[in-house]
Amino acid sequence: MRLTVLVFTVCLAASVAHAAEFREARLDDGGRKLTITQSDGQTFAAPMLDDQDSFDKPAVSRNRRYVGWLALFPNMGASYSQPLRLSVLDSSKRTMDFVGDFGMIYGWCFTNDSQAVVYKYQLPHGITSIAFQMRRLRDGKILRSFRLEPIKPDADEAKVIRANTPAWASCTRDRMDVNQR
């Protein structure tokens, strides 16, 4: 019995250790398809959520064990598809989805150590708060949160965001176009 458990454990550890890493995530067909390439050269289409119609802002983590993207959904009260979820796929093909407390996700990134994701969200129009969250990839736990009060209409939004974004969330600012809304 012990030998069976030991063999199973060693085989399981070996399969996890040899899981292919991710090399690239590429948008195709105007964002309607996301093609993921593994380090062994195999490619596959990223999974879509129910009602999702497209993908945006794909990225591979520094350690190459995760690939992530924004999932966009149509018919949510606007004439364009909206980035409502951040999806992250790990090397064992398990997907985790993250959302903000309100609005849409406009910028996101993996942390430098590839252990978490950070994302920025807000409502798409009008004077609104801008919020940031850091979530651990292992279990989805919120590690950090920050909310920036609404920016006055006469203020330079990009400058206010740059000056007030916490250092841990600065990568969301660097990977996004603040005038995208």
N, C-alpha and C. Protein backbone atom coordinates (compact mmCIF):
# COMPACT_ATOMS: atom_id res chain seq x y z
N MET A 1 0.82 -1.19 0.00
CA MET A 1 0.00 0.00 0.00
C MET A 1 0.87 1.26 0.00
N ARG A 2 1.89 1.28 0.87
CA ARG A 2 2.78 2.43 0.93
C ARG A 2 3.48 2.65 -0.41
N LEU A 3 3.90 1.56 -1.03
CA LEU A 3 4.58 1.65 -2.31
C LEU A 3 3.66 2.25 -3.37
N THR A 4 2.39 1.87 -3.37
CA THR A 4 1.42 2.40 -4.33
C THR A 4 1.25 3.91 -4.13
N VAL A 5 1.12 4.33 -2.90
CA VAL A 5 0.97 5.77 -2.59
C VAL A 5 2.23 6.52 -3.00
N LEU A 6 3.39 5.96 -2.72
CA LEU A 6 4.65 6.59 -3.09
C LEU A 6 4.78 6.73 -4.61
N VAL A 7 4.47 5.67 -5.35
CA VAL A 7 4.54 5.71 -6.81
C VAL A 7 3.56 6.74 -7.35
N PHE A 8 2.33 6.78 -6.83
CA PHE A 8 1.34 7.76 -7.27
C PHE A 8 1.83 9.18 -7.02
N THR A 9 2.38 9.43 -5.84
CA THR A 9 2.87 10.76 -5.48
C THR A 9 4.01 11.19 -6.39
N VAL A 10 4.94 10.28 -6.66
CA VAL A 10 6.07 10.60 -7.54
C VAL A 10 5.58 10.89 -8.96
N CYS A 11 4.65 10.08 -9.46
CA CYS A 11 4.10 10.30 -10.81
C CYS A 11 3.36 11.61 -10.90
N LEU A 12 2.58 11.92 -9.87
CA LEU A 12 1.84 13.19 -9.85
C LEU A 12 2.81 14.37 -9.82
N ALA A 13 3.82 14.30 -8.99
CA ALA A 13 4.82 15.38 -8.92
C ALA A 13 5.54 15.53 -10.25
N ALA A 14 5.87 14.44 -10.88
CA ALA A 14 6.58 14.49 -12.17
C ALA A 14 5.70 15.11 -13.24
N SER A 15 4.41 14.77 -13.25
CA SER A 15 3.53 15.34 -14.27
C SER A 15 3.34 16.83 -14.07
N VAL A 16 3.27 17.28 -12.82
CA VAL A 16 3.15 18.71 -12.55
C VAL A 16 4.44 19.42 -12.92
N ALA A 17 5.58 18.82 -12.56
CA ALA A 17 6.88 19.44 -12.83
C ALA A 17 7.14 19.57 -14.32
N HIS A 18 6.60 18.65 -15.12
CA HIS A 18 6.86 18.68 -16.55
C HIS A 18 5.72 19.30 -17.36
N ALA A 19 4.77 19.93 -16.69
CA ALA A 19 3.68 20.59 -17.42
C ALA A 19 4.29 21.66 -18.32
N ALA A 20 3.80 21.73 -19.52
CA ALA A 20 4.33 22.71 -20.48
C ALA A 20 4.09 24.12 -19.96
N GLU A 21 5.06 24.96 -20.16
CA GLU A 21 4.91 26.37 -19.80
C GLU A 21 4.29 27.09 -20.98
N PHE A 22 3.84 28.31 -20.74
CA PHE A 22 3.25 29.12 -21.81
C PHE A 22 4.32 30.00 -22.44
N ARG A 23 4.27 30.11 -23.74
CA ARG A 23 5.23 30.93 -24.47
C ARG A 23 4.59 32.22 -24.98
N GLU A 24 3.32 32.12 -25.46
CA GLU A 24 2.70 33.27 -26.10
C GLU A 24 1.19 33.18 -26.01
N ALA A 25 0.55 34.35 -25.98
CA ALA A 25 -0.91 34.46 -26.09
C ALA A 25 -1.17 35.50 -27.16
N ARG A 26 -1.85 35.08 -28.24
CA ARG A 26 -2.03 35.94 -29.41
C ARG A 26 -3.50 36.10 -29.76
N LEU A 27 -3.92 37.35 -29.92
CA LEU A 27 -5.29 37.64 -30.35
C LEU A 27 -5.41 37.40 -31.85
N ASP A 28 -6.48 36.74 -32.26
CA ASP A 28 -6.77 36.49 -33.67
C ASP A 28 -8.21 36.91 -33.95
N ASP A 29 -8.51 37.06 -35.23
CA ASP A 29 -9.88 37.34 -35.67
C ASP A 29 -10.47 38.55 -34.94
N GLY A 30 -9.68 39.62 -34.87
CA GLY A 30 -10.17 40.85 -34.24
C GLY A 30 -10.48 40.71 -32.77
N GLY A 31 -9.81 39.80 -32.08
CA GLY A 31 -10.02 39.60 -30.65
C GLY A 31 -11.08 38.56 -30.34
N ARG A 32 -11.68 37.98 -31.36
CA ARG A 32 -12.72 36.95 -31.12
C ARG A 32 -12.11 35.59 -30.77
N LYS A 33 -10.81 35.47 -30.96
CA LYS A 33 -10.13 34.22 -30.64
C LYS A 33 -8.79 34.56 -29.98
N LEU A 34 -8.42 33.78 -29.00
CA LEU A 34 -7.14 33.93 -28.33
C LEU A 34 -6.41 32.60 -28.46
N THR A 35 -5.28 32.62 -29.14
CA THR A 35 -4.50 31.41 -29.35
C THR A 35 -3.33 31.41 -28.37
N ILE A 36 -3.22 30.33 -27.62
CA ILE A 36 -2.17 30.18 -26.62
C ILE A 36 -1.15 29.16 -27.13
N THR A 37 0.12 29.52 -27.05
CA THR A 37 1.20 28.62 -27.46
C THR A 37 1.99 28.21 -26.23
N GLN A 38 2.19 26.91 -26.09
CA GLN A 38 2.98 26.38 -24.98
C GLN A 38 4.45 26.30 -25.39
N SER A 39 5.32 26.12 -24.42
CA SER A 39 6.75 26.05 -24.69
C SER A 39 7.12 24.85 -25.55
N ASP A 40 6.28 23.82 -25.55
CA ASP A 40 6.55 22.64 -26.39
C ASP A 40 6.03 22.82 -27.82
N GLY A 41 5.51 24.01 -28.14
CA GLY A 41 5.03 24.32 -29.49
C GLY A 41 3.56 24.05 -29.72
N GLN A 42 2.90 23.34 -28.83
CA GLN A 42 1.48 23.07 -29.00
C GLN A 42 0.68 24.36 -28.82
N THR A 43 -0.39 24.49 -29.63
CA THR A 43 -1.26 25.66 -29.52
C THR A 43 -2.69 25.18 -29.25
N PHE A 44 -3.46 26.05 -28.63
CA PHE A 44 -4.88 25.78 -28.39
C PHE A 44 -5.60 27.10 -28.20
N ALA A 45 -6.91 27.06 -28.39
CA ALA A 45 -7.74 28.26 -28.21
C ALA A 45 -8.08 28.41 -26.73
N ALA A 46 -7.99 29.64 -26.24
CA ALA A 46 -8.36 29.91 -24.85
C ALA A 46 -9.86 29.65 -24.68
N PRO A 47 -10.25 29.14 -23.52
CA PRO A 47 -11.67 28.90 -23.29
C PRO A 47 -12.45 30.20 -23.14
N MET A 48 -13.69 30.18 -23.61
CA MET A 48 -14.57 31.34 -23.47
C MET A 48 -15.62 31.05 -22.40
N LEU A 49 -16.01 32.09 -21.70
CA LEU A 49 -17.08 31.98 -20.72
C LEU A 49 -18.43 32.10 -21.43
N ASP A 50 -19.50 31.67 -20.79
CA ASP A 50 -20.83 31.83 -21.37
C ASP A 50 -21.07 33.29 -21.72
N ASP A 51 -21.60 33.54 -22.89
CA ASP A 51 -21.94 34.88 -23.39
C ASP A 51 -20.74 35.76 -23.73
N GLN A 52 -19.53 35.30 -23.48
CA GLN A 52 -18.35 36.07 -23.84
C GLN A 52 -18.23 36.09 -25.37
N ASP A 53 -17.85 37.26 -25.95
CA ASP A 53 -17.71 37.31 -27.40
C ASP A 53 -16.30 37.62 -27.86
N SER A 54 -15.42 38.07 -26.95
CA SER A 54 -14.07 38.40 -27.39
C SER A 54 -13.10 38.47 -26.22
N PHE A 55 -11.83 38.67 -26.57
CA PHE A 55 -10.72 38.72 -25.62
C PHE A 55 -9.96 40.03 -25.81
N ASP A 56 -9.23 40.44 -24.77
CA ASP A 56 -8.37 41.62 -24.88
C ASP A 56 -7.23 41.50 -23.89
N LYS A 57 -6.16 42.21 -24.16
CA LYS A 57 -4.99 42.36 -23.30
C LYS A 57 -4.44 41.04 -22.74
N PRO A 58 -4.12 40.09 -23.61
CA PRO A 58 -3.53 38.84 -23.12
C PRO A 58 -2.09 39.04 -22.66
N ALA A 59 -1.65 38.21 -21.71
CA ALA A 59 -0.28 38.27 -21.23
C ALA A 59 0.11 36.93 -20.63
N VAL A 60 1.40 36.65 -20.67
CA VAL A 60 1.98 35.45 -20.05
C VAL A 60 2.77 35.91 -18.84
N SER A 61 2.64 35.19 -17.73
CA SER A 61 3.37 35.55 -16.51
C SER A 61 4.87 35.37 -16.71
N ARG A 62 5.63 36.04 -15.88
CA ARG A 62 7.09 35.97 -15.96
C ARG A 62 7.63 34.55 -15.81
N ASN A 63 6.99 33.77 -14.92
CA ASN A 63 7.45 32.39 -14.73
C ASN A 63 6.87 31.43 -15.77
N ARG A 64 6.05 31.94 -16.66
CA ARG A 64 5.45 31.21 -17.79
C ARG A 64 4.49 30.10 -17.37
N ARG A 65 4.04 30.12 -16.12
CA ARG A 65 3.09 29.11 -15.66
C ARG A 65 1.64 29.58 -15.76
N TYR A 66 1.44 30.86 -16.10
CA TYR A 66 0.09 31.41 -16.20
C TYR A 66 -0.04 32.24 -17.47
N VAL A 67 -1.25 32.25 -18.01
CA VAL A 67 -1.58 33.14 -19.10
C VAL A 67 -2.93 33.76 -18.73
N GLY A 68 -3.07 35.04 -19.01
CA GLY A 68 -4.31 35.72 -18.63
C GLY A 68 -4.81 36.64 -19.72
N TRP A 69 -6.06 37.07 -19.59
CA TRP A 69 -6.69 37.94 -20.58
C TRP A 69 -7.95 38.56 -19.98
N LEU A 70 -8.42 39.60 -20.62
CA LEU A 70 -9.72 40.17 -20.27
C LEU A 70 -10.78 39.49 -21.12
N ALA A 71 -11.88 39.10 -20.48
CA ALA A 71 -13.02 38.51 -21.18
C ALA A 71 -14.06 39.62 -21.40
N LEU A 72 -14.43 39.83 -22.67
CA LEU A 72 -15.36 40.88 -23.03
C LEU A 72 -16.74 40.30 -23.34
N PHE A 73 -17.76 41.04 -22.95
CA PHE A 73 -19.14 40.59 -23.10
C PHE A 73 -19.97 41.65 -23.81
N PRO A 74 -20.83 41.22 -24.77
CA PRO A 74 -21.69 42.16 -25.49
C PRO A 74 -23.00 42.40 -24.74
N ASN A 75 -23.74 43.38 -25.22
CA ASN A 75 -25.12 43.62 -24.75
C ASN A 75 -25.22 43.85 -23.25
N MET A 76 -24.28 44.60 -22.72
CA MET A 76 -24.31 44.93 -21.29
C MET A 76 -24.64 46.41 -21.10
N GLY A 77 -25.47 46.94 -21.98
CA GLY A 77 -25.90 48.33 -21.86
C GLY A 77 -25.07 49.30 -22.67
N ALA A 78 -24.19 48.79 -23.51
CA ALA A 78 -23.35 49.66 -24.35
C ALA A 78 -23.32 49.08 -25.76
N SER A 79 -22.87 49.88 -26.69
CA SER A 79 -22.80 49.44 -28.08
C SER A 79 -21.53 48.64 -28.37
N TYR A 80 -20.70 48.47 -27.39
CA TYR A 80 -19.44 47.75 -27.56
C TYR A 80 -19.32 46.67 -26.47
N SER A 81 -18.52 45.68 -26.72
CA SER A 81 -18.28 44.62 -25.73
C SER A 81 -17.45 45.20 -24.59
N GLN A 82 -17.76 44.75 -23.38
CA GLN A 82 -17.15 45.32 -22.20
C GLN A 82 -16.29 44.30 -21.45
N PRO A 83 -15.11 44.74 -20.95
CA PRO A 83 -14.20 43.85 -20.22
C PRO A 83 -14.67 43.68 -18.77
N LEU A 84 -15.45 42.64 -18.53
CA LEU A 84 -16.05 42.44 -17.21
C LEU A 84 -15.29 41.46 -16.33
N ARG A 85 -14.46 40.61 -16.92
CA ARG A 85 -13.74 39.60 -16.15
C ARG A 85 -12.29 39.51 -16.59
N LEU A 86 -11.46 39.17 -15.65
CA LEU A 86 -10.07 38.82 -15.91
C LEU A 86 -9.98 37.32 -15.73
N SER A 87 -9.58 36.61 -16.77
CA SER A 87 -9.43 35.16 -16.71
C SER A 87 -7.95 34.81 -16.72
N VAL A 88 -7.58 33.84 -15.88
CA VAL A 88 -6.20 33.38 -15.80
C VAL A 88 -6.21 31.85 -15.87
N LEU A 89 -5.40 31.33 -16.77
CA LEU A 89 -5.26 29.89 -16.97
C LEU A 89 -3.90 29.47 -16.45
N ASP A 90 -3.87 28.39 -15.64
CA ASP A 90 -2.57 27.90 -15.16
C ASP A 90 -2.09 26.75 -16.04
N SER A 91 -0.89 26.29 -15.79
CA SER A 91 -0.28 25.27 -16.65
C SER A 91 -0.98 23.92 -16.56
N SER A 92 -1.85 23.72 -15.57
CA SER A 92 -2.64 22.49 -15.52
C SER A 92 -4.02 22.70 -16.16
N LYS A 93 -4.18 23.84 -16.86
CA LYS A 93 -5.40 24.20 -17.60
C LYS A 93 -6.60 24.51 -16.69
N ARG A 94 -6.32 24.93 -15.48
CA ARG A 94 -7.37 25.38 -14.56
C ARG A 94 -7.54 26.88 -14.77
N THR A 95 -8.78 27.33 -14.93
CA THR A 95 -9.06 28.75 -15.15
C THR A 95 -9.65 29.37 -13.89
N MET A 96 -9.16 30.56 -13.56
CA MET A 96 -9.73 31.37 -12.47
C MET A 96 -10.23 32.66 -13.09
N ASP A 97 -11.38 33.15 -12.64
CA ASP A 97 -11.94 34.39 -13.14
C ASP A 97 -12.06 35.39 -12.00
N PHE A 98 -11.68 36.63 -12.29
CA PHE A 98 -11.73 37.70 -11.29
C PHE A 98 -12.59 38.84 -11.80
N VAL A 99 -13.29 39.50 -10.90
CA VAL A 99 -14.11 40.65 -11.24
C VAL A 99 -13.86 41.75 -10.21
N GLY A 100 -14.22 42.97 -10.58
CA GLY A 100 -14.16 44.06 -9.63
C GLY A 100 -15.47 44.15 -8.86
N ASP A 101 -15.54 45.05 -7.90
CA ASP A 101 -16.76 45.25 -7.14
C ASP A 101 -17.82 45.98 -7.96
N PHE A 102 -17.39 46.63 -9.02
CA PHE A 102 -18.28 47.39 -9.89
C PHE A 102 -17.56 47.63 -11.21
N GLY A 103 -18.30 47.97 -12.23
CA GLY A 103 -17.72 48.43 -13.48
C GLY A 103 -16.94 47.39 -14.28
N MET A 104 -15.97 47.91 -15.02
CA MET A 104 -15.19 47.10 -15.96
C MET A 104 -13.72 47.10 -15.57
N ILE A 105 -13.02 46.08 -16.03
CA ILE A 105 -11.59 45.97 -15.77
C ILE A 105 -10.85 46.61 -16.95
N TYR A 106 -10.07 47.64 -16.67
CA TYR A 106 -9.40 48.37 -17.75
C TYR A 106 -7.91 48.08 -17.85
N GLY A 107 -7.28 47.69 -16.78
CA GLY A 107 -5.86 47.39 -16.82
C GLY A 107 -5.57 46.25 -15.88
N TRP A 108 -4.58 45.43 -16.22
CA TRP A 108 -4.22 44.33 -15.34
C TRP A 108 -2.80 43.88 -15.62
N CYS A 109 -2.24 43.09 -14.70
CA CYS A 109 -0.89 42.55 -14.88
C CYS A 109 -0.66 41.43 -13.89
N PHE A 110 0.34 40.63 -14.17
CA PHE A 110 0.84 39.67 -13.20
C PHE A 110 1.85 40.40 -12.33
N THR A 111 1.97 40.01 -11.07
CA THR A 111 3.03 40.57 -10.23
C THR A 111 4.37 40.02 -10.72
N ASN A 112 5.45 40.68 -10.37
CA ASN A 112 6.78 40.26 -10.82
C ASN A 112 7.13 38.84 -10.42
N ASP A 113 6.62 38.38 -9.27
CA ASP A 113 6.91 37.02 -8.82
C ASP A 113 5.92 35.99 -9.37
N SER A 114 4.99 36.42 -10.18
CA SER A 114 3.98 35.56 -10.83
C SER A 114 3.06 34.84 -9.83
N GLN A 115 2.95 35.36 -8.64
CA GLN A 115 2.11 34.72 -7.62
C GLN A 115 0.72 35.35 -7.52
N ALA A 116 0.53 36.50 -8.18
CA ALA A 116 -0.75 37.21 -8.07
C ALA A 116 -1.02 38.03 -9.33
N VAL A 117 -2.26 38.49 -9.44
CA VAL A 117 -2.63 39.44 -10.49
C VAL A 117 -3.10 40.72 -9.81
N VAL A 118 -2.91 41.81 -10.51
CA VAL A 118 -3.39 43.11 -10.06
C VAL A 118 -4.27 43.65 -11.17
N TYR A 119 -5.41 44.22 -10.81
CA TYR A 119 -6.27 44.80 -11.84
C TYR A 119 -6.94 46.07 -11.36
N LYS A 120 -7.25 46.90 -12.35
CA LYS A 120 -7.87 48.21 -12.13
C LYS A 120 -9.26 48.17 -12.73
N TYR A 121 -10.24 48.67 -11.99
CA TYR A 121 -11.60 48.68 -12.51
C TYR A 121 -12.33 49.96 -12.14
N GLN A 122 -13.32 50.30 -12.97
CA GLN A 122 -14.15 51.47 -12.73
C GLN A 122 -15.35 51.41 -13.65
N LEU A 123 -16.30 52.29 -13.41
CA LEU A 123 -17.44 52.40 -14.32
C LEU A 123 -16.95 53.05 -15.60
N PRO A 124 -17.60 52.77 -16.72
CA PRO A 124 -17.07 53.25 -18.00
C PRO A 124 -17.27 54.74 -18.29
N HIS A 125 -18.24 55.36 -17.67
CA HIS A 125 -18.52 56.76 -18.00
C HIS A 125 -18.83 57.56 -16.74
N GLY A 126 -18.61 58.84 -16.84
CA GLY A 126 -18.96 59.72 -15.73
C GLY A 126 -17.89 59.77 -14.67
N ILE A 127 -18.19 60.52 -13.63
CA ILE A 127 -17.27 60.67 -12.51
C ILE A 127 -17.46 59.45 -11.61
N THR A 128 -16.40 58.67 -11.47
CA THR A 128 -16.50 57.41 -10.75
C THR A 128 -15.20 57.12 -10.00
N SER A 129 -15.33 56.33 -8.95
CA SER A 129 -14.14 55.84 -8.26
C SER A 129 -13.35 54.92 -9.18
N ILE A 130 -12.07 54.82 -8.92
CA ILE A 130 -11.21 53.89 -9.62
C ILE A 130 -10.63 52.98 -8.53
N ALA A 131 -10.76 51.69 -8.73
CA ALA A 131 -10.33 50.75 -7.69
C ALA A 131 -9.29 49.78 -8.24
N PHE A 132 -8.48 49.27 -7.33
CA PHE A 132 -7.42 48.32 -7.66
C PHE A 132 -7.51 47.15 -6.69
N GLN A 133 -7.26 45.95 -7.19
CA GLN A 133 -7.17 44.77 -6.32
C GLN A 133 -5.98 43.92 -6.73
N MET A 134 -5.38 43.30 -5.74
CA MET A 134 -4.34 42.29 -5.97
C MET A 134 -4.91 40.97 -5.45
N ARG A 135 -4.90 39.94 -6.31
CA ARG A 135 -5.44 38.63 -5.94
C ARG A 135 -4.38 37.56 -6.11
N ARG A 136 -4.25 36.72 -5.09
CA ARG A 136 -3.31 35.60 -5.14
C ARG A 136 -3.85 34.55 -6.11
N LEU A 137 -2.99 34.02 -6.97
CA LEU A 137 -3.40 33.04 -7.96
C LEU A 137 -3.65 31.66 -7.36
N ARG A 138 -2.99 31.34 -6.31
CA ARG A 138 -3.15 30.02 -5.70
C ARG A 138 -4.59 29.78 -5.24
N ASP A 139 -5.23 30.81 -4.66
CA ASP A 139 -6.56 30.62 -4.09
C ASP A 139 -7.53 31.76 -4.35
N GLY A 140 -7.12 32.79 -5.07
CA GLY A 140 -8.01 33.91 -5.38
C GLY A 140 -8.17 34.92 -4.26
N LYS A 141 -7.49 34.74 -3.16
CA LYS A 141 -7.63 35.63 -2.00
C LYS A 141 -7.20 37.06 -2.36
N ILE A 142 -7.98 38.04 -1.88
CA ILE A 142 -7.60 39.45 -2.05
C ILE A 142 -6.45 39.74 -1.10
N LEU A 143 -5.33 40.18 -1.67
CA LEU A 143 -4.15 40.52 -0.88
C LEU A 143 -4.08 42.01 -0.58
N ARG A 144 -4.54 42.82 -1.52
CA ARG A 144 -4.52 44.28 -1.36
C ARG A 144 -5.69 44.88 -2.13
N SER A 145 -6.19 46.00 -1.62
CA SER A 145 -7.24 46.76 -2.30
C SER A 145 -6.97 48.24 -2.09
N PHE A 146 -7.37 49.03 -3.06
CA PHE A 146 -7.23 50.48 -2.95
C PHE A 146 -8.30 51.12 -3.82
N ARG A 147 -8.91 52.18 -3.32
CA ARG A 147 -9.91 52.90 -4.10
C ARG A 147 -9.53 54.37 -4.17
N LEU A 148 -9.42 54.86 -5.40
CA LEU A 148 -9.12 56.25 -5.66
C LEU A 148 -10.45 56.99 -5.82
N GLU A 149 -10.62 58.06 -5.09
CA GLU A 149 -11.87 58.82 -5.17
C GLU A 149 -12.08 59.35 -6.59
N PRO A 150 -13.33 59.65 -6.96
CA PRO A 150 -13.59 60.16 -8.31
C PRO A 150 -12.72 61.37 -8.64
N ILE A 151 -12.28 61.40 -9.87
CA ILE A 151 -11.41 62.48 -10.34
C ILE A 151 -12.28 63.62 -10.84
N LYS A 152 -11.95 64.82 -10.44
CA LYS A 152 -12.74 65.99 -10.85
C LYS A 152 -12.69 66.16 -12.37
N PRO A 153 -13.80 66.60 -12.96
CA PRO A 153 -13.87 66.71 -14.43
C PRO A 153 -12.79 67.58 -15.05
N ASP A 154 -12.33 68.60 -14.33
CA ASP A 154 -11.32 69.51 -14.89
C ASP A 154 -9.88 69.03 -14.64
N ALA A 155 -9.72 67.90 -13.95
CA ALA A 155 -8.38 67.39 -13.65
C ALA A 155 -7.87 66.52 -14.81
N ASP A 156 -6.56 66.41 -14.89
CA ASP A 156 -5.92 65.53 -15.88
C ASP A 156 -5.95 64.11 -15.31
N GLU A 157 -6.86 63.28 -15.83
CA GLU A 157 -7.06 61.94 -15.26
C GLU A 157 -5.78 61.12 -15.24
N ALA A 158 -5.05 61.12 -16.34
CA ALA A 158 -3.81 60.33 -16.41
C ALA A 158 -2.82 60.78 -15.34
N LYS A 159 -2.71 62.08 -15.14
CA LYS A 159 -1.78 62.61 -14.14
C LYS A 159 -2.21 62.25 -12.72
N VAL A 160 -3.50 62.35 -12.44
CA VAL A 160 -4.01 61.99 -11.11
C VAL A 160 -3.80 60.50 -10.83
N ILE A 161 -4.09 59.67 -11.82
CA ILE A 161 -3.89 58.23 -11.65
C ILE A 161 -2.41 57.92 -11.42
N ARG A 162 -1.55 58.54 -12.22
CA ARG A 162 -0.11 58.31 -12.09
C ARG A 162 0.39 58.72 -10.70
N ALA A 163 -0.11 59.83 -10.18
CA ALA A 163 0.36 60.34 -8.90
C ALA A 163 -0.22 59.58 -7.70
N ASN A 164 -1.37 58.94 -7.86
CA ASN A 164 -2.05 58.36 -6.71
C ASN A 164 -2.16 56.84 -6.70
N THR A 165 -1.75 56.20 -7.76
CA THR A 165 -1.80 54.74 -7.80
C THR A 165 -0.73 54.17 -6.87
N PRO A 166 -1.09 53.25 -5.99
CA PRO A 166 -0.07 52.66 -5.12
C PRO A 166 0.99 51.92 -5.94
N ALA A 167 2.20 51.85 -5.42
CA ALA A 167 3.30 51.21 -6.15
C ALA A 167 2.95 49.78 -6.56
N TRP A 168 2.26 49.03 -5.70
CA TRP A 168 1.93 47.64 -6.00
C TRP A 168 0.98 47.50 -7.19
N ALA A 169 0.28 48.59 -7.54
CA ALA A 169 -0.69 48.55 -8.64
C ALA A 169 -0.22 49.33 -9.86
N SER A 170 1.00 49.84 -9.83
CA SER A 170 1.47 50.70 -10.92
C SER A 170 1.52 49.97 -12.26
N CYS A 171 1.68 48.66 -12.25
CA CYS A 171 1.73 47.92 -13.51
C CYS A 171 0.40 48.01 -14.26
N THR A 172 -0.71 48.20 -13.56
CA THR A 172 -2.00 48.33 -14.24
C THR A 172 -2.05 49.64 -15.01
N ARG A 173 -1.42 50.63 -14.47
CA ARG A 173 -1.35 51.93 -15.11
C ARG A 173 -0.42 51.88 -16.32
N ASP A 174 0.68 51.16 -16.19
CA ASP A 174 1.66 51.09 -17.26
C ASP A 174 1.19 50.27 -18.45
N ARG A 175 0.27 49.31 -18.24
CA ARG A 175 -0.20 48.43 -19.32
C ARG A 175 -1.54 48.85 -19.89
N MET A 176 -1.96 50.06 -19.65
CA MET A 176 -3.28 50.45 -20.13
C MET A 176 -3.26 51.81 -20.79
N ASP A 177 -4.26 52.06 -21.56
CA ASP A 177 -4.48 53.37 -22.14
C ASP A 177 -5.58 54.02 -21.32
N VAL A 178 -5.23 55.03 -20.51
CA VAL A 178 -6.23 55.63 -19.62
C VAL A 178 -7.34 56.33 -20.39
N ASN A 179 -7.12 56.64 -21.65
CA ASN A 179 -8.16 57.28 -22.44
C ASN A 179 -9.01 56.26 -23.18
N GLN A 180 -8.87 55.01 -22.82
CA GLN A 180 -9.56 53.93 -23.51
C GLN A 180 -11.06 53.97 -23.31
N ARG A 181 -11.53 54.48 -22.22
CA ARG A 181 -12.96 54.49 -21.91
C ARG A 181 -13.73 55.27 -22.89
